C-alpha atoms as a PDB file:
ATOM      1  CA  UNK A   1      -3.273 -17.071   7.100  1.00  0.00           C
ATOM      2  CA  UNK A   2      -2.415 -13.728   5.621  1.00  0.00           C
ATOM      3  CA  UNK A   3       0.637 -11.511   5.334  1.00  0.00           C
ATOM      4  CA  UNK A   4      -0.886  -8.265   6.514  1.00  0.00           C
ATOM      5  CA  UNK A   5       1.067  -5.257   7.681  1.00  0.00           C
ATOM      6  CA  UNK A   6       1.464  -4.146  11.291  1.00  0.00           C
ATOM      7  CA  UNK A   7       2.757  -6.047  14.264  1.00  0.00           C
ATOM      8  CA  UNK A   8       2.738  -9.375  12.274  1.00  0.00           C
ATOM      9  CA  UNK A   9       4.760  -8.088   9.472  1.00  0.00           C
ATOM     10  CA  UNK A  10       8.049  -9.044  10.794  1.00  0.00           C
ATOM     11  CA  UNK A  11       6.975 -12.525  11.451  1.00  0.00           C
ATOM     12  CA  UNK A  12       5.170 -12.789   8.027  1.00  0.00           C
ATOM     13  CA  UNK A  13       8.110 -11.717   6.253  1.00  0.00           C
ATOM     14  CA  UNK A  14       9.850 -14.801   7.266  1.00  0.00           C
ATOM     15  CA  UNK A  15       6.875 -17.162   6.739  1.00  0.00           C
ATOM     16  CA  UNK A  16       3.936 -16.189   4.537  1.00  0.00           C
ATOM     17  CA  UNK A  17       1.246 -18.653   3.650  1.00  0.00           C
ATOM     18  CA  UNK A  18      -1.349 -18.923   1.011  1.00  0.00           C
ATOM     19  CA  UNK A  19      -4.734 -17.775   2.299  1.00  0.00           C
ATOM     20  CA  UNK A  20      -6.541 -20.706   0.734  1.00  0.00           C
ATOM     21  CA  UNK A  21      -4.478 -23.931   1.083  1.00  0.00           C
ATOM     22  CA  UNK A  22      -1.769 -22.692   3.616  1.00  0.00           C
ATOM     23  CA  UNK A  23       1.342 -23.662   1.606  1.00  0.00           C
ATOM     24  CA  UNK A  24       4.357 -21.465   2.828  1.00  0.00           C
ATOM     25  CA  UNK A  25       6.448 -19.387   0.353  1.00  0.00           C
ATOM     26  CA  UNK A  26       9.675 -21.117  -0.160  1.00  0.00           C
ATOM     27  CA  UNK A  27      12.591 -19.959  -2.166  1.00  0.00           C
ATOM     28  CA  UNK A  28      14.081 -23.482  -2.335  1.00  0.00           C
ATOM     29  CA  UNK A  29      11.318 -24.968  -4.298  1.00  0.00           C
ATOM     30  CA  UNK A  30      10.223 -21.883  -6.092  1.00  0.00           C
ATOM     31  CA  UNK A  31       6.899 -21.116  -4.396  1.00  0.00           C
ATOM     32  CA  UNK A  32       6.249 -17.447  -4.697  1.00  0.00           C
ATOM     33  CA  UNK A  33       3.105 -16.164  -3.324  1.00  0.00           C
ATOM     34  CA  UNK A  34       1.193 -13.410  -5.112  1.00  0.00           C
ATOM     35  CA  UNK A  35      -0.839 -10.674  -3.297  1.00  0.00           C
ATOM     36  CA  UNK A  36      -4.217 -10.021  -3.652  1.00  0.00           C
ATOM     37  CA  UNK A  37      -4.481  -7.280  -6.388  1.00  0.00           C
ATOM     38  CA  UNK A  38      -7.096  -5.302  -4.688  1.00  0.00           C
ATOM     39  CA  UNK A  39      -6.302  -5.150  -0.869  1.00  0.00           C
ATOM     40  CA  UNK A  40      -2.674  -6.539  -0.896  1.00  0.00           C
ATOM     41  CA  UNK A  41      -3.319  -7.930   2.655  1.00  0.00           C
ATOM     42  CA  UNK A  42      -3.393 -11.788   1.649  1.00  0.00           C
ATOM     43  CA  UNK A  43      -1.405 -13.934  -0.668  1.00  0.00           C
ATOM     44  CA  UNK A  44      -2.034 -16.908  -2.861  1.00  0.00           C
ATOM     45  CA  UNK A  45       0.117 -19.605  -4.475  1.00  0.00           C
ATOM     46  CA  UNK A  46      -2.195 -19.846  -7.619  1.00  0.00           C
ATOM     47  CA  UNK A  47      -5.163 -18.483  -9.367  1.00  0.00           C
ATOM     48  CA  UNK A  48      -7.122 -21.413  -8.390  1.00  0.00           C
ATOM     49  CA  UNK A  49      -6.373 -20.873  -4.664  1.00  0.00           C
ATOM     50  CA  UNK A  50      -7.401 -17.329  -5.172  1.00  0.00           C
ATOM     51  CA  UNK A  51     -10.713 -18.291  -6.850  1.00  0.00           C
ATOM     52  CA  UNK A  52     -11.372 -20.823  -4.101  1.00  0.00           C
ATOM     53  CA  UNK A  53     -10.765 -18.324  -1.254  1.00  0.00           C
ATOM     54  CA  UNK A  54     -12.658 -15.434  -2.909  1.00  0.00           C
ATOM     55  CA  UNK A  55     -16.083 -16.016  -1.255  1.00  0.00           C
ATOM     56  CA  UNK A  56     -14.430 -15.860   2.331  1.00  0.00           C
ATOM     57  CA  UNK A  57     -12.146 -12.931   1.445  1.00  0.00           C
ATOM     58  CA  UNK A  58     -14.453 -10.715  -0.762  1.00  0.00           C
ATOM     59  CA  UNK A  59     -16.251  -8.584   2.053  1.00  0.00           C
ATOM     60  CA  UNK A  60     -12.846  -7.938   3.851  1.00  0.00           C
ATOM     61  CA  UNK A  61     -11.005  -7.296   0.550  1.00  0.00           C
ATOM     62  CA  UNK A  62     -13.756  -4.583  -0.436  1.00  0.00           C
ATOM     63  CA  UNK A  63     -13.359  -2.768   2.801  1.00  0.00           C
ATOM     64  CA  UNK A  64      -9.516  -2.750   2.872  1.00  0.00           C
ATOM     65  CA  UNK A  65      -9.318  -1.577  -0.686  1.00  0.00           C
ATOM     66  CA  UNK A  66     -11.822   1.265   0.111  1.00  0.00           C
ATOM     67  CA  UNK A  67      -9.811   2.233   3.285  1.00  0.00           C
ATOM     68  CA  UNK A  68      -6.524   2.161   1.231  1.00  0.00           C
ATOM     69  CA  UNK A  69      -8.147   4.129  -1.489  1.00  0.00           C
ATOM     70  CA  UNK A  70      -9.543   6.648   1.164  1.00  0.00           C
ATOM     71  CA  UNK A  71      -6.098   6.948   2.801  1.00  0.00           C
ATOM     72  CA  UNK A  72      -4.454   7.857  -0.363  1.00  0.00           C
ATOM     73  CA  UNK A  73      -7.178  10.295  -1.468  1.00  0.00           C
ATOM     74  CA  UNK A  74      -7.317  12.226   1.917  1.00  0.00           C
ATOM     75  CA  UNK A  75      -3.612  11.884   2.907  1.00  0.00           C
ATOM     76  CA  UNK A  76      -2.483  15.400   3.849  1.00  0.00           C
ATOM     77  CA  UNK A  77       0.672  16.706   2.133  1.00  0.00           C
ATOM     78  CA  UNK A  78       3.775  17.275   4.049  1.00  0.00           C
ATOM     79  CA  UNK A  79       4.048  20.907   5.162  1.00  0.00           C
ATOM     80  CA  UNK A  80       6.223  21.647   2.028  1.00  0.00           C
ATOM     81  CA  UNK A  81       3.786  23.977   0.095  1.00  0.00           C
ATOM     82  CA  UNK A  82       3.352  27.528  -0.179  1.00  0.00           C
ATOM     83  CA  UNK A  83      -0.303  27.924   0.460  1.00  0.00           C
ATOM     84  CA  UNK A  84      -3.046  27.087  -1.676  1.00  0.00           C
ATOM     85  CA  UNK A  85      -3.771  27.955  -5.343  1.00  0.00           C
ATOM     86  CA  UNK A  86      -6.555  30.737  -5.442  1.00  0.00           C
ATOM     87  CA  UNK A  87      -8.266  29.050  -8.574  1.00  0.00           C
ATOM     88  CA  UNK A  88      -8.295  25.295  -7.710  1.00  0.00           C
ATOM     89  CA  UNK A  89      -7.493  25.414  -3.852  1.00  0.00           C
ATOM     90  CA  UNK A  90      -4.790  22.757  -4.380  1.00  0.00           C
ATOM     91  CA  UNK A  91      -1.617  23.168  -2.376  1.00  0.00           C
ATOM     92  CA  UNK A  92       1.189  24.934  -4.396  1.00  0.00           C
ATOM     93  CA  UNK A  93       4.397  22.938  -4.179  1.00  0.00           C
ATOM     94  CA  UNK A  94       7.704  24.415  -3.417  1.00  0.00           C
ATOM     95  CA  UNK A  95      10.088  24.889  -6.409  1.00  0.00           C
ATOM     96  CA  UNK A  96      13.165  23.995  -4.541  1.00  0.00           C
ATOM     97  CA  UNK A  97      15.396  25.805  -7.196  1.00  0.00           C
ATOM     98  CA  UNK A  98      13.507  28.958  -6.600  1.00  0.00           C
ATOM     99  CA  UNK A  99      13.551  28.526  -2.784  1.00  0.00           C
ATOM    100  CA  UNK A 100      17.251  28.179  -2.704  1.00  0.00           C
ATOM    101  CA  UNK A 101      17.754  31.368  -4.766  1.00  0.00           C
ATOM    102  CA  UNK A 102      15.363  33.426  -2.464  1.00  0.00           C
ATOM    103  CA  UNK A 103      17.204  32.154   0.761  1.00  0.00           C
ATOM    104  CA  UNK A 104      20.635  33.012  -0.956  1.00  0.00           C
ATOM    105  CA  UNK A 105      19.282  36.735  -1.874  1.00  0.00           C
ATOM    106  CA  UNK A 106      18.051  37.121   1.764  1.00  0.00           C
ATOM    107  CA  UNK A 107      21.627  36.490   3.256  1.00  0.00           C
END
């Protein structure tokens, strides 16, 4: 089992399990599961479990990590910019201090 996001997130927050051996995270006996460093979609109780589960997880992990990277690279900024830089074509961010002064001057 894994602790992936989405609909299962609420249930997984209460009971996460190691993807390899199935041990549940338990604060009473100090079992703290660690997320996969690449995809963050599965958890492991130890390095040994992570190494044991790697062959089954490798393909899915690479795909998920690539999807996450694409999401972060191509995520469109909020509509809080003043257009694009004529040199590098990156969005120009709003300087909130100047914006408030300009709005005050218009009033």
